[in-house]
Amino acid sequence: MDPFIPAIEMTGPIIVSIILVIAFAVFVVYAIVTGQRRKVSAGVEEMVGKEAVVRTTLEPRGTVLAEGELWTAIAEGSKIEAGQEVIITRVEGLKLWVTRKPEEKEEK
């Protein structure tokens, strides 16, 4: 041994600490990689297919409440009365295109 380099004895607590640091580093790298691969789930693109409630009659233009916000909406098809539920079919700028929500049949 070189007399100028102190010898480090690998004791149990040191080994456990090294293993924990390596495990944490692997976890952080894994979290970063999976976070980068995940599809973006925010923004107006995610609104297509979701439900909204008509606030002012759509004939064909009016307002709807979607995701807790009031939006200008255009009805595809016939007039839709206030209070009815609609499905968002597309988003163009700050306008939502909506269609009537299909009536669900009562189960017996």
PDB file of N, CA and C in Angstrom:
ATOM      1  N   MET A   1       0.825  -1.188   0.000  1.00  0.00           N
ATOM      2  CA  MET A   1       0.000   0.000   0.000  1.00  0.00           C
ATOM      3  C   MET A   1       0.867   1.248   0.000  1.00  0.00           C
ATOM      4  N   ASP A   2       0.338   2.250  -0.639  1.00  0.00           N
ATOM      5  CA  ASP A   2       1.013   3.540  -0.667  1.00  0.00           C
ATOM      6  C   ASP A   2       0.807   4.207   0.689  1.00  0.00           C
ATOM      7  N   PRO A   3       1.842   4.668   1.351  1.00  0.00           N
ATOM      8  CA  PRO A   3       1.693   5.272   2.686  1.00  0.00           C
ATOM      9  C   PRO A   3       0.952   6.599   2.673  1.00  0.00           C
ATOM     10  N   PHE A   4       0.825   7.226   1.508  1.00  0.00           N
ATOM     11  CA  PHE A   4       0.155   8.531   1.443  1.00  0.00           C
ATOM     12  C   PHE A   4      -1.349   8.427   1.179  1.00  0.00           C
ATOM     13  N   ILE A   5      -1.842   7.273   0.785  1.00  0.00           N
ATOM     14  CA  ILE A   5      -3.268   7.077   0.537  1.00  0.00           C
ATOM     15  C   ILE A   5      -3.851   6.312   1.714  1.00  0.00           C
ATOM     16  N   PRO A   6      -4.799   6.949   2.431  1.00  0.00           N
ATOM     17  CA  PRO A   6      -5.359   6.247   3.594  1.00  0.00           C
ATOM     18  C   PRO A   6      -6.263   5.101   3.129  1.00  0.00           C
ATOM     19  N   ALA A   7      -6.234   4.032   3.845  1.00  0.00           N
ATOM     20  CA  ALA A   7      -7.059   2.875   3.529  1.00  0.00           C
ATOM     21  C   ALA A   7      -8.471   3.105   4.063  1.00  0.00           C
ATOM     22  N   ILE A   8      -9.474   2.824   3.230  1.00  0.00           N
ATOM     23  CA  ILE A   8     -10.865   2.968   3.648  1.00  0.00           C
ATOM     24  C   ILE A   8     -11.421   1.575   3.836  1.00  0.00           C
ATOM     25  N   GLU A   9     -11.922   1.349   5.009  1.00  0.00           N
ATOM     26  CA  GLU A   9     -12.497   0.043   5.300  1.00  0.00           C
ATOM     27  C   GLU A   9     -13.968   0.079   4.928  1.00  0.00           C
ATOM     28  N   MET A  10     -14.400  -0.869   4.114  1.00  0.00           N
ATOM     29  CA  MET A  10     -15.788  -0.945   3.670  1.00  0.00           C
ATOM     30  C   MET A  10     -16.602  -1.644   4.743  1.00  0.00           C
ATOM     31  N   THR A  11     -17.266  -0.842   5.569  1.00  0.00           N
ATOM     32  CA  THR A  11     -18.102  -1.414   6.627  1.00  0.00           C
ATOM     33  C   THR A  11     -19.535  -1.531   6.132  1.00  0.00           C
ATOM     34  N   GLY A  12     -20.370  -2.205   6.888  1.00  0.00           N
ATOM     35  CA  GLY A  12     -21.777  -2.414   6.536  1.00  0.00           C
ATOM     36  C   GLY A  12     -22.520  -1.133   6.232  1.00  0.00           C
ATOM     37  N   PRO A  13     -22.466  -0.114   7.104  1.00  0.00           N
ATOM     38  CA  PRO A  13     -23.207   1.130   6.837  1.00  0.00           C
ATOM     39  C   PRO A  13     -22.755   1.836   5.546  1.00  0.00           C
ATOM     40  N   ILE A  14     -21.485   1.748   5.231  1.00  0.00           N
ATOM     41  CA  ILE A  14     -20.988   2.382   4.004  1.00  0.00           C
ATOM     42  C   ILE A  14     -21.545   1.652   2.779  1.00  0.00           C
ATOM     43  N   ILE A  15     -21.555   0.334   2.821  1.00  0.00           N
ATOM     44  CA  ILE A  15     -22.075  -0.451   1.705  1.00  0.00           C
ATOM     45  C   ILE A  15     -23.569  -0.183   1.506  1.00  0.00           C
ATOM     46  N   VAL A  16     -24.322  -0.148   2.597  1.00  0.00           N
ATOM     47  CA  VAL A  16     -25.756   0.128   2.508  1.00  0.00           C
ATOM     48  C   VAL A  16     -25.995   1.525   1.937  1.00  0.00           C
ATOM     49  N   SER A  17     -25.223   2.499   2.363  1.00  0.00           N
ATOM     50  CA  SER A  17     -25.365   3.869   1.852  1.00  0.00           C
ATOM     51  C   SER A  17     -25.093   3.931   0.353  1.00  0.00           C
ATOM     52  N   ILE A  18     -24.059   3.240  -0.097  1.00  0.00           N
ATOM     53  CA  ILE A  18     -23.728   3.226  -1.525  1.00  0.00           C
ATOM     54  C   ILE A  18     -24.867   2.593  -2.321  1.00  0.00           C
ATOM     55  N   ILE A  19     -25.415   1.496  -1.830  1.00  0.00           N
ATOM     56  CA  ILE A  19     -26.517   0.816  -2.518  1.00  0.00           C
ATOM     57  C   ILE A  19     -27.736   1.730  -2.594  1.00  0.00           C
ATOM     58  N   LEU A  20     -28.051   2.436  -1.503  1.00  0.00           N
ATOM     59  CA  LEU A  20     -29.201   3.348  -1.506  1.00  0.00           C
ATOM     60  C   LEU A  20     -29.008   4.502  -2.490  1.00  0.00           C
ATOM     61  N   VAL A  21     -27.809   5.047  -2.567  1.00  0.00           N
ATOM     62  CA  VAL A  21     -27.537   6.148  -3.501  1.00  0.00           C
ATOM     63  C   VAL A  21     -27.679   5.659  -4.941  1.00  0.00           C
ATOM     64  N   ILE A  22     -27.170   4.478  -5.240  1.00  0.00           N
ATOM     65  CA  ILE A  22     -27.288   3.926  -6.590  1.00  0.00           C
ATOM     66  C   ILE A  22     -28.755   3.659  -6.929  1.00  0.00           C
ATOM     67  N   ALA A  23     -29.527   3.092  -5.982  1.00  0.00           N
ATOM     68  CA  ALA A  23     -30.949   2.813  -6.221  1.00  0.00           C
ATOM     69  C   ALA A  23     -31.710   4.109  -6.473  1.00  0.00           C
ATOM     70  N   PHE A  24     -31.419   5.148  -5.720  1.00  0.00           N
ATOM     71  CA  PHE A  24     -32.077   6.440  -5.916  1.00  0.00           C
ATOM     72  C   PHE A  24     -31.738   7.018  -7.287  1.00  0.00           C
ATOM     73  N   ALA A  25     -30.479   6.918  -7.699  1.00  0.00           N
ATOM     74  CA  ALA A  25     -30.066   7.433  -9.005  1.00  0.00           C
ATOM     75  C   ALA A  25     -30.783   6.686 -10.128  1.00  0.00           C
ATOM     76  N   VAL A  26     -30.920   5.371 -10.005  1.00  0.00           N
ATOM     77  CA  VAL A  26     -31.630   4.583 -11.007  1.00  0.00           C
ATOM     78  C   VAL A  26     -33.098   5.008 -11.059  1.00  0.00           C
ATOM     79  N   PHE A  27     -33.724   5.216  -9.904  1.00  0.00           N
ATOM     80  CA  PHE A  27     -35.115   5.659  -9.850  1.00  0.00           C
ATOM     81  C   PHE A  27     -35.287   7.011 -10.538  1.00  0.00           C
ATOM     82  N   VAL A  28     -34.404   7.943 -10.294  1.00  0.00           N
ATOM     83  CA  VAL A  28     -34.498   9.280 -10.895  1.00  0.00           C
ATOM     84  C   VAL A  28     -34.371   9.191 -12.413  1.00  0.00           C
ATOM     85  N   VAL A  29     -33.422   8.412 -12.899  1.00  0.00           N
ATOM     86  CA  VAL A  29     -33.244   8.254 -14.341  1.00  0.00           C
ATOM     87  C   VAL A  29     -34.496   7.611 -14.951  1.00  0.00           C
ATOM     88  N   TYR A  30     -35.042   6.585 -14.303  1.00  0.00           N
ATOM     89  CA  TYR A  30     -36.257   5.923 -14.789  1.00  0.00           C
ATOM     90  C   TYR A  30     -37.427   6.912 -14.845  1.00  0.00           C
ATOM     91  N   ALA A  31     -37.602   7.715 -13.797  1.00  0.00           N
ATOM     92  CA  ALA A  31     -38.697   8.689 -13.759  1.00  0.00           C
ATOM     93  C   ALA A  31     -38.547   9.729 -14.874  1.00  0.00           C
ATOM     94  N   ILE A  32     -37.357  10.164 -15.143  1.00  0.00           N
ATOM     95  CA  ILE A  32     -37.121  11.148 -16.202  1.00  0.00           C
ATOM     96  C   ILE A  32     -37.441  10.546 -17.568  1.00  0.00           C
ATOM     97  N   VAL A  33     -36.975   9.334 -17.810  1.00  0.00           N
ATOM     98  CA  VAL A  33     -37.201   8.687 -19.108  1.00  0.00           C
ATOM     99  C   VAL A  33     -38.692   8.445 -19.336  1.00  0.00           C
ATOM    100  N   THR A  34     -39.414   7.915 -18.347  1.00  0.00           N
ATOM    101  CA  THR A  34     -40.849   7.668 -18.529  1.00  0.00           C
ATOM    102  C   THR A  34     -41.619   8.977 -18.660  1.00  0.00           C
ATOM    103  N   GLY A  35     -41.193  10.020 -17.981  1.00  0.00           N
ATOM    104  CA  GLY A  35     -41.849  11.322 -18.103  1.00  0.00           C
ATOM    105  C   GLY A  35     -41.683  11.912 -19.488  1.00  0.00           C
ATOM    106  N   GLN A  36     -40.550  11.690 -20.109  1.00  0.00           N
ATOM    107  CA  GLN A  36     -40.321  12.209 -21.458  1.00  0.00           C
ATOM    108  C   GLN A  36     -41.097  11.434 -22.512  1.00  0.00           C
ATOM    109  N   ARG A  37     -41.368  10.172 -22.274  1.00  0.00           N
ATOM    110  CA  ARG A  37     -42.083   9.336 -23.240  1.00  0.00           C
ATOM    111  C   ARG A  37     -43.593   9.510 -23.172  1.00  0.00           C
ATOM    112  N   ARG A  38     -44.097  10.011 -22.034  1.00  0.00           N
ATOM    113  CA  ARG A  38     -45.542  10.134 -21.841  1.00  0.00           C
ATOM    114  C   ARG A  38     -46.129  11.167 -22.794  1.00  0.00           C
ATOM    115  N   LYS A  39     -47.308  10.859 -23.328  1.00  0.00           N
ATOM    116  CA  LYS A  39     -48.010  11.764 -24.234  1.00  0.00           C
ATOM    117  C   LYS A  39     -48.511  12.974 -23.449  1.00  0.00           C
ATOM    118  N   VAL A  40     -48.454  14.140 -24.078  1.00  0.00           N
ATOM    119  CA  VAL A  40     -48.940  15.357 -23.444  1.00  0.00           C
ATOM    120  C   VAL A  40     -50.443  15.222 -23.200  1.00  0.00           C
ATOM    121  N   SER A  41     -50.862  15.513 -21.981  1.00  0.00           N
ATOM    122  CA  SER A  41     -52.283  15.365 -21.665  1.00  0.00           C
ATOM    123  C   SER A  41     -52.896  16.675 -21.196  1.00  0.00           C
ATOM    124  N   ALA A  42     -52.447  17.743 -21.777  1.00  0.00           N
ATOM    125  CA  ALA A  42     -53.000  19.050 -21.430  1.00  0.00           C
ATOM    126  C   ALA A  42     -53.254  19.821 -22.713  1.00  0.00           C
ATOM    127  N   GLY A  43     -54.104  20.790 -22.632  1.00  0.00           N
ATOM    128  CA  GLY A  43     -54.381  21.620 -23.786  1.00  0.00           C
ATOM    129  C   GLY A  43     -55.703  21.269 -24.426  1.00  0.00           C
ATOM    130  N   VAL A  44     -56.036  22.047 -25.429  1.00  0.00           N
ATOM    131  CA  VAL A  44     -57.333  21.901 -26.066  1.00  0.00           C
ATOM    132  C   VAL A  44     -57.459  20.609 -26.856  1.00  0.00           C
ATOM    133  N   GLU A  45     -56.346  20.007 -27.275  1.00  0.00           N
ATOM    134  CA  GLU A  45     -56.420  18.760 -28.038  1.00  0.00           C
ATOM    135  C   GLU A  45     -57.094  17.662 -27.220  1.00  0.00           C
ATOM    136  N   GLU A  46     -56.923  17.703 -25.922  1.00  0.00           N
ATOM    137  CA  GLU A  46     -57.483  16.677 -25.045  1.00  0.00           C
ATOM    138  C   GLU A  46     -58.977  16.859 -24.809  1.00  0.00           C
ATOM    139  N   MET A  47     -59.545  17.968 -25.248  1.00  0.00           N
ATOM    140  CA  MET A  47     -60.969  18.223 -25.003  1.00  0.00           C
ATOM    141  C   MET A  47     -61.877  17.454 -25.955  1.00  0.00           C
ATOM    142  N   VAL A  48     -61.358  17.065 -27.117  1.00  0.00           N
ATOM    143  CA  VAL A  48     -62.172  16.357 -28.106  1.00  0.00           C
ATOM    144  C   VAL A  48     -62.660  15.037 -27.498  1.00  0.00           C
ATOM    145  N   GLY A  49     -63.978  14.823 -27.586  1.00  0.00           N
ATOM    146  CA  GLY A  49     -64.576  13.607 -27.033  1.00  0.00           C
ATOM    147  C   GLY A  49     -65.131  13.786 -25.630  1.00  0.00           C
ATOM    148  N   LYS A  50     -64.822  14.892 -24.980  1.00  0.00           N
ATOM    149  CA  LYS A  50     -65.320  15.133 -23.624  1.00  0.00           C
ATOM    150  C   LYS A  50     -66.693  15.793 -23.671  1.00  0.00           C
ATOM    151  N   GLU A  51     -67.358  15.771 -22.520  1.00  0.00           N
ATOM    152  CA  GLU A  51     -68.706  16.333 -22.423  1.00  0.00           C
ATOM    153  C   GLU A  51     -68.670  17.790 -21.980  1.00  0.00           C
ATOM    154  N   ALA A  52     -69.712  18.524 -22.374  1.00  0.00           N
ATOM    155  CA  ALA A  52     -69.893  19.907 -21.950  1.00  0.00           C
ATOM    156  C   ALA A  52     -71.392  20.130 -21.762  1.00  0.00           C
ATOM    157  N   VAL A  53     -71.746  21.209 -21.061  1.00  0.00           N
ATOM    158  CA  VAL A  53     -73.148  21.549 -20.819  1.00  0.00           C
ATOM    159  C   VAL A  53     -73.445  22.874 -21.503  1.00  0.00           C
ATOM    160  N   VAL A  54     -74.519  22.906 -22.272  1.00  0.00           N
ATOM    161  CA  VAL A  54     -74.905  24.114 -23.006  1.00  0.00           C
ATOM    162  C   VAL A  54     -75.405  25.156 -22.008  1.00  0.00           C
ATOM    163  N   ARG A  55     -74.866  26.383 -22.078  1.00  0.00           N
ATOM    164  CA  ARG A  55     -75.290  27.479 -21.197  1.00  0.00           C
ATOM    165  C   ARG A  55     -76.274  28.401 -21.898  1.00  0.00           C
ATOM    166  N   THR A  56     -75.992  28.733 -23.150  1.00  0.00           N
ATOM    167  CA  THR A  56     -76.943  29.517 -23.937  1.00  0.00           C
ATOM    168  C   THR A  56     -77.271  28.702 -25.183  1.00  0.00           C
ATOM    169  N   THR A  57     -78.521  28.773 -25.612  1.00  0.00           N
ATOM    170  CA  THR A  57     -78.993  27.964 -26.732  1.00  0.00           C
ATOM    171  C   THR A  57     -78.053  28.081 -27.929  1.00  0.00           C
ATOM    172  N   LEU A  58     -77.705  26.925 -28.483  1.00  0.00           N
ATOM    173  CA  LEU A  58     -76.835  26.879 -29.655  1.00  0.00           C
ATOM    174  C   LEU A  58     -77.712  26.839 -30.896  1.00  0.00           C
ATOM    175  N   GLU A  59     -77.724  27.963 -31.647  1.00  0.00           N
ATOM    176  CA  GLU A  59     -78.520  27.989 -32.875  1.00  0.00           C
ATOM    177  C   GLU A  59     -77.770  28.685 -33.992  1.00  0.00           C
ATOM    178  N   PRO A  60     -76.749  28.281 -34.552  1.00  0.00           N
ATOM    179  CA  PRO A  60     -75.875  27.200 -34.102  1.00  0.00           C
ATOM    180  C   PRO A  60     -74.817  27.671 -33.123  1.00  0.00           C
ATOM    181  N   ARG A  61     -74.709  29.007 -32.862  1.00  0.00           N
ATOM    182  CA  ARG A  61     -73.647  29.511 -32.003  1.00  0.00           C
ATOM    183  C   ARG A  61     -74.192  29.860 -30.619  1.00  0.00           C
ATOM    184  N   GLY A  62     -73.391  29.628 -29.582  1.00  0.00           N
ATOM    185  CA  GLY A  62     -73.759  29.958 -28.218  1.00  0.00           C
ATOM    186  C   GLY A  62     -72.581  29.679 -27.303  1.00  0.00           C
ATOM    187  N   THR A  63     -72.854  29.427 -26.020  1.00  0.00           N
ATOM    188  CA  THR A  63     -71.772  29.124 -25.090  1.00  0.00           C
ATOM    189  C   THR A  63     -72.034  27.803 -24.386  1.00  0.00           C
ATOM    190  N   VAL A  64     -70.930  27.129 -24.016  1.00  0.00           N
ATOM    191  CA  VAL A  64     -71.005  25.881 -23.268  1.00  0.00           C
ATOM    192  C   VAL A  64     -70.025  25.960 -22.105  1.00  0.00           C
ATOM    193  N   LEU A  65     -70.295  25.162 -21.088  1.00  0.00           N
ATOM    194  CA  LEU A  65     -69.382  25.042 -19.956  1.00  0.00           C
ATOM    195  C   LEU A  65     -68.624  23.734 -20.135  1.00  0.00           C
ATOM    196  N   ALA A  66     -67.314  23.853 -20.357  1.00  0.00           N
ATOM    197  CA  ALA A  66     -66.471  22.679 -20.572  1.00  0.00           C
ATOM    198  C   ALA A  66     -65.228  22.800 -19.706  1.00  0.00           C
ATOM    199  N   GLU A  67     -64.937  21.744 -18.943  1.00  0.00           N
ATOM    200  CA  GLU A  67     -63.753  21.724 -18.075  1.00  0.00           C
ATOM    201  C   GLU A  67     -63.733  22.927 -17.131  1.00  0.00           C
ATOM    202  N   GLY A  68     -64.907  23.356 -16.678  1.00  0.00           N
ATOM    203  CA  GLY A  68     -65.006  24.452 -15.722  1.00  0.00           C
ATOM    204  C   GLY A  68     -64.863  25.835 -16.328  1.00  0.00           C
ATOM    205  N   GLU A  69     -64.840  25.935 -17.655  1.00  0.00           N
ATOM    206  CA  GLU A  69     -64.680  27.222 -18.326  1.00  0.00           C
ATOM    207  C   GLU A  69     -65.782  27.418 -19.348  1.00  0.00           C
ATOM    208  N   LEU A  70     -66.172  28.677 -19.572  1.00  0.00           N
ATOM    209  CA  LEU A  70     -67.154  28.991 -20.608  1.00  0.00           C
ATOM    210  C   LEU A  70     -66.447  29.134 -21.946  1.00  0.00           C
ATOM    211  N   TRP A  71     -66.992  28.466 -22.963  1.00  0.00           N
ATOM    212  CA  TRP A  71     -66.423  28.483 -24.303  1.00  0.00           C
ATOM    213  C   TRP A  71     -67.490  28.902 -25.303  1.00  0.00           C
ATOM    214  N   THR A  72     -67.079  29.562 -26.374  1.00  0.00           N
ATOM    215  CA  THR A  72     -67.957  29.786 -27.512  1.00  0.00           C
ATOM    216  C   THR A  72     -68.052  28.454 -28.238  1.00  0.00           C
ATOM    217  N   ALA A  73     -69.276  28.070 -28.586  1.00  0.00           N
ATOM    218  CA  ALA A  73     -69.462  26.771 -29.233  1.00  0.00           C
ATOM    219  C   ALA A  73     -70.350  26.914 -30.455  1.00  0.00           C
ATOM    220  N   ILE A  74     -70.145  26.011 -31.389  1.00  0.00           N
ATOM    221  CA  ILE A  74     -70.966  25.941 -32.592  1.00  0.00           C
ATOM    222  C   ILE A  74     -71.545  24.533 -32.665  1.00  0.00           C
ATOM    223  N   ALA A  75     -72.870  24.460 -32.792  1.00  0.00           N
ATOM    224  CA  ALA A  75     -73.547  23.158 -32.856  1.00  0.00           C
ATOM    225  C   ALA A  75     -73.446  22.594 -34.259  1.00  0.00           C
ATOM    226  N   GLU A  76     -73.103  21.331 -34.331  1.00  0.00           N
ATOM    227  CA  GLU A  76     -73.125  20.622 -35.608  1.00  0.00           C
ATOM    228  C   GLU A  76     -74.504  19.986 -35.717  1.00  0.00           C
ATOM    229  N   GLY A  77     -75.266  20.424 -36.667  1.00  0.00           N
ATOM    230  CA  GLY A  77     -76.610  19.878 -36.812  1.00  0.00           C
ATOM    231  C   GLY A  77     -77.643  20.884 -36.357  1.00  0.00           C
ATOM    232  N   SER A  78     -78.655  20.401 -35.650  1.00  0.00           N
ATOM    233  CA  SER A  78     -79.788  21.246 -35.268  1.00  0.00           C
ATOM    234  C   SER A  78     -79.515  22.047 -33.998  1.00  0.00           C
ATOM    235  N   LYS A  79     -80.463  22.899 -33.684  1.00  0.00           N
ATOM    236  CA  LYS A  79     -80.422  23.749 -32.496  1.00  0.00           C
ATOM    237  C   LYS A  79     -80.374  22.886 -31.229  1.00  0.00           C
ATOM    238  N   ILE A  80     -79.570  23.318 -30.236  1.00  0.00           N
ATOM    239  CA  ILE A  80     -79.458  22.592 -28.975  1.00  0.00           C
ATOM    240  C   ILE A  80     -79.812  23.557 -27.854  1.00  0.00           C
ATOM    241  N   GLU A  81     -80.758  23.177 -27.024  1.00  0.00           N
ATOM    242  CA  GLU A  81     -81.253  24.035 -25.943  1.00  0.00           C
ATOM    243  C   GLU A  81     -80.277  24.087 -24.767  1.00  0.00           C
ATOM    244  N   ALA A  82     -80.375  25.175 -23.989  1.00  0.00           N
ATOM    245  CA  ALA A  82     -79.552  25.343 -22.781  1.00  0.00           C
ATOM    246  C   ALA A  82     -79.847  24.218 -21.792  1.00  0.00           C
ATOM    247  N   GLY A  83     -78.824  23.767 -21.108  1.00  0.00           N
ATOM    248  CA  GLY A  83     -78.967  22.716 -20.109  1.00  0.00           C
ATOM    249  C   GLY A  83     -78.694  21.323 -20.628  1.00  0.00           C
ATOM    250  N   GLN A  84     -78.679  21.140 -21.943  1.00  0.00           N
ATOM    251  CA  GLN A  84     -78.418  19.821 -22.504  1.00  0.00           C
ATOM    252  C   GLN A  84     -76.922  19.527 -22.521  1.00  0.00           C
ATOM    253  N   GLU A  85     -76.604  18.232 -22.469  1.00  0.00           N
ATOM    254  CA  GLU A  85     -75.206  17.829 -22.539  1.00  0.00           C
ATOM    255  C   GLU A  85     -74.821  17.579 -23.989  1.00  0.00           C
ATOM    256  N   VAL A  86     -73.593  17.973 -24.321  1.00  0.00           N
ATOM    257  CA  VAL A  86     -73.076  17.803 -25.674  1.00  0.00           C
ATOM    258  C   VAL A  86     -71.693  17.157 -25.614  1.00  0.00           C
ATOM    259  N   ILE A  87     -71.251  16.663 -26.757  1.00  0.00           N
ATOM    260  CA  ILE A  87     -69.918  16.083 -26.897  1.00  0.00           C
ATOM    261  C   ILE A  87     -69.091  17.006 -27.787  1.00  0.00           C
ATOM    262  N   ILE A  88     -67.865  17.293 -27.373  1.00  0.00           N
ATOM    263  CA  ILE A  88     -66.973  18.151 -28.158  1.00  0.00           C
ATOM    264  C   ILE A  88     -66.380  17.315 -29.286  1.00  0.00           C
ATOM    265  N   THR A  89     -66.559  17.780 -30.535  1.00  0.00           N
ATOM    266  CA  THR A  89     -66.073  17.020 -31.686  1.00  0.00           C
ATOM    267  C   THR A  89     -64.772  17.576 -32.258  1.00  0.00           C
ATOM    268  N   ARG A  90     -64.572  18.875 -32.125  1.00  0.00           N
ATOM    269  CA  ARG A  90     -63.299  19.462 -32.565  1.00  0.00           C
ATOM    270  C   ARG A  90     -63.117  20.825 -31.931  1.00  0.00           C
ATOM    271  N   VAL A  91     -61.880  21.300 -31.969  1.00  0.00           N
ATOM    272  CA  VAL A  91     -61.529  22.606 -31.408  1.00  0.00           C
ATOM    273  C   VAL A  91     -60.825  23.394 -32.493  1.00  0.00           C
ATOM    274  N   GLU A  92     -61.291  24.605 -32.729  1.00  0.00           N
ATOM    275  CA  GLU A  92     -60.647  25.501 -33.689  1.00  0.00           C
ATOM    276  C   GLU A  92     -60.419  26.833 -32.995  1.00  0.00           C
ATOM    277  N   GLY A  93     -59.194  27.108 -32.661  1.00  0.00           N
ATOM    278  CA  GLY A  93     -58.877  28.335 -31.929  1.00  0.00           C
ATOM    279  C   GLY A  93     -59.548  28.302 -30.568  1.00  0.00           C
ATOM    280  N   LEU A  94     -60.422  29.271 -30.320  1.00  0.00           N
ATOM    281  CA  LEU A  94     -61.144  29.322 -29.047  1.00  0.00           C
ATOM    282  C   LEU A  94     -62.609  28.930 -29.210  1.00  0.00           C
ATOM    283  N   LYS A  95     -62.920  28.212 -30.291  1.00  0.00           N
ATOM    284  CA  LYS A  95     -64.288  27.746 -30.526  1.00  0.00           C
ATOM    285  C   LYS A  95     -64.340  26.229 -30.448  1.00  0.00           C
ATOM    286  N   LEU A  96     -65.397  25.746 -29.819  1.00  0.00           N
ATOM    287  CA  LEU A  96     -65.627  24.311 -29.751  1.00  0.00           C
ATOM    288  C   LEU A  96     -66.761  23.949 -30.699  1.00  0.00           C
ATOM    289  N   TRP A  97     -66.596  22.893 -31.444  1.00  0.00           N
ATOM    290  CA  TRP A  97     -67.661  22.340 -32.269  1.00  0.00           C
ATOM    291  C   TRP A  97     -68.242  21.195 -31.479  1.00  0.00           C
ATOM    292  N   VAL A  98     -69.552  21.202 -31.320  1.00  0.00           N
ATOM    293  CA  VAL A  98     -70.196  20.205 -30.464  1.00  0.00           C
ATOM    294  C   VAL A  98     -71.363  19.535 -31.189  1.00  0.00           C
ATOM    295  N   THR A  99     -71.721  18.371 -30.689  1.00  0.00           N
ATOM    296  CA  THR A  99     -72.875  17.646 -31.193  1.00  0.00           C
ATOM    297  C   THR A  99     -73.660  17.119 -29.995  1.00  0.00           C
ATOM    298  N   ARG A 100     -74.935  16.851 -30.214  1.00  0.00           N
ATOM    299  CA  ARG A 100     -75.777  16.333 -29.135  1.00  0.00           C
ATOM    300  C   ARG A 100     -75.199  15.052 -28.552  1.00  0.00           C
ATOM    301  N   LYS A 101     -75.313  14.922 -27.252  1.00  0.00           N
ATOM    302  CA  LYS A 101     -74.923  13.683 -26.596  1.00  0.00           C
ATOM    303  C   LYS A 101     -76.019  12.654 -26.881  1.00  0.00           C
ATOM    304  N   PRO A 102     -75.637  11.451 -27.310  1.00  0.00           N
ATOM    305  CA  PRO A 102     -76.663  10.436 -27.582  1.00  0.00           C
ATOM    306  C   PRO A 102     -77.469  10.106 -26.323  1.00  0.00           C
ATOM    307  N   GLU A 103     -78.756   9.924 -26.506  1.00  0.00           N
ATOM    308  CA  GLU A 103     -79.624   9.570 -25.383  1.00  0.00           C
ATOM    309  C   GLU A 103     -79.300   8.152 -24.928  1.00  0.00           C
ATOM    310  N   GLU A 104     -79.071   7.997 -23.617  1.00  0.00           N
ATOM    311  CA  GLU A 104     -78.793   6.676 -23.076  1.00  0.00           C
ATOM    312  C   GLU A 104     -80.104   6.006 -22.706  1.00  0.00           C
ATOM    313  N   LYS A 105     -80.267   4.760 -23.133  1.00  0.00           N
ATOM    314  CA  LYS A 105     -81.496   4.034 -22.828  1.00  0.00           C
ATOM    315  C   LYS A 105     -81.468   3.555 -21.396  1.00  0.00           C
ATOM    316  N   GLU A 106     -82.619   3.618 -20.749  1.00  0.00           N
ATOM    317  CA  GLU A 106     -82.733   3.160 -19.359  1.00  0.00           C
ATOM    318  C   GLU A 106     -82.638   1.643 -19.320  1.00  0.00           C
ATOM    319  N   GLU A 107     -81.852   1.148 -18.370  1.00  0.00           N
ATOM    320  CA  GLU A 107     -81.727  -0.292 -18.202  1.00  0.00           C
ATOM    321  C   GLU A 107     -82.812  -0.768 -17.250  1.00  0.00           C
ATOM    322  N   LYS A 108     -83.393  -1.912 -17.572  1.00  0.00           N
ATOM    323  CA  LYS A 108     -84.478  -2.453 -16.731  1.00  0.00           C
ATOM    324  C   LYS A 108     -83.953  -3.457 -15.749  1.00  0.00           C
TER     325      LYS A 108
END
